[in-house]
């Protein structure tokens, strides 16, 4: 839950009220937010390690007691029980505190959660075991307590790790908004301030190569900006006085002075953050079914154990026997198998994907990826390489080395592509840059120009549909260097594989219509839209969802972050910016060919999860009556509980051998 507020209340007052309800509180967008998740994960890992170490040692002692049941002397058996108790008691307190504190907070505020019966079972079993050890009884159940804690901590740790990864999007975006900017004060001096200190009307200096973090209107200067991260447009845009520049754009030319349109909290970055948060809130609805099951499960467990105790007391059993049966019932109904049903499948599937260069970031990503029926692609950087490629022809080959002498002085993407095509070479001297027009220098006694058609004197000549960079040398006729976006090598094969498997495909891009149409035509994708803003992408995904589509969004830019968070599931390539990766459910490093394999493994994992839930339910249907009727001791209950968890885990391992190769 995220809270924003206005009015007389202070942050401390709100934090106190939320804490009293039993929830932890951290300041959003600060280092403490990320640190709190890391601290929780580290605490669970240490607790799990301690519990695992203790479980291994106590089980060695327990096996000795079981194996020598007919020959072991009472004194030896009692010594083994005492040693087990001395190991178990501090470990239960230390490693089990996550469950005990959670149960206490729940009871303190008048409700129950899954940790209440778990805590009750652990302490009842510990109490009975300590009593049996003191009285010299034949049975103690310290091993059951520790194993119970260990298995539950495994599931809790996996959940915490996935939640930390999912929270990275908002934290990374907040860090971008909190960067320093240079503001021009009333005296004309430049001062460095935090972006969140800027108000509407402030004058901001945007230096060459700097990324804007505030939406602004250009007041002084002219040049070009790279909006690829914001809009997906692959080519720079010319800006001058009066032009609006959005946060996330990069200045490619001379320094610009802009007037802030709004505070950082109302910028395009803030809008994207809001969309990402809306997507994360929507995803939380997938936990409602599990929460509802917990609400029904906990009273059932308590009622069953209590009725078992009372029933055996009425039947004439001793208090000790009735307590053992109640404890056995609590242990055998422990949700270990249910708790591991999904994490076990997720862990195996995640491992298989990891070996294929795919990294999952969201806990329920596999489940949602398995339900996909419609895939939306961003174009630039996703289906294409994102950088223009210079097409060298017989007409341009001779002029290329000379043009590159000018291009080496520019950050323009077309200039960089031209330099790449030309290879290593010298830089011209005395280069003059004319904002919005191009570059000029005297080379070997000739005035050479590189830039727009009008700048070099090409007039109304047309060189083709794609981007063009014109070059002139003295009085010679101008030469046009043409460029095109290059499809990724595996794009066509991936699209064919996805269509064969029944997915409908679509392209949403902020680029020019001509560029999007060429890419869509080359891939055979019939549905596409161009010049789509981040808000428009989010609106399109909302519309598809209203139509009943389960949409997979595949994108790599800041302009895709909101759509990635709102989609039913989302993927980003490994080269995407950090914020986009944080907003997505998975990051793939193996190219577009990984996507069909990801979807196949996800479907396999969902099938295994459903099987695991069925196995866990069947286990409870069989085990509970046996425990209630007194045929199971706490030790056997713990073994049965562990066996059910083992069966669920072994079933999950079948995912490793499923067919999921990349097409």
Foldseek 3Di string as FASTA:
>chain_A
DDDDDDDDDDPVVVQVVVVLLPDHDDDFLDPVVLVVLVVVLVLLVVLLVLLVVLLVVLVVLVVVCVVCVPPDDLVSQLVSLVVNLVSQPVSCVRSVVVLVSSQVSQVVNPHGFLSVLLVVLLVLLSVLQVVCSVVSHSDHCSSLNSLLSNLLSVLVSVQSQLVSLLVVLRNVLSVLQQDWFWWQDPVRDIDIDTLQVDFFFIKTKAAAFRFALAWWFWQADKAWKACCQFFVALFIDTHGGGDIDAGGITHFDGMTITTGHGGSCPGPSVVLSVLLVVLVVVVCVVCVVVRVVRRVLVVVLVVLLVCLLVVVVVVPDDNSLSSQLSSLSSLLSNCSLVSVLQVLLVVLLQVLQVVQFKHFNHSCQLVLLLQAFAEEEEPQVAQFVSAKAWDDDPQCPVVLQVLLLFLVVGPGSVSVNSCVVVDDDHHAPPWDADHPAFIWDQDPNWIKTKGDCVNQVVPPDDDDDADWIWMDTHPDHIDITGIAIGGDPCSLVLLVVCVVVRHQYEYEGLYDPVNFVVSCVVNVRDHYDYNAGLVNLLVVQVVCVVVVGQYEYEYAHNSCLSVQSNGSFYEYEPVGDPSNCSSHRMYGDNGSLCSQLSNVLSSVSVVLSVVSVVLSVVSCVPSNVCSSVSNDGSNNSSVSSVVSNVVSSVSSNVSSVDDRDGD
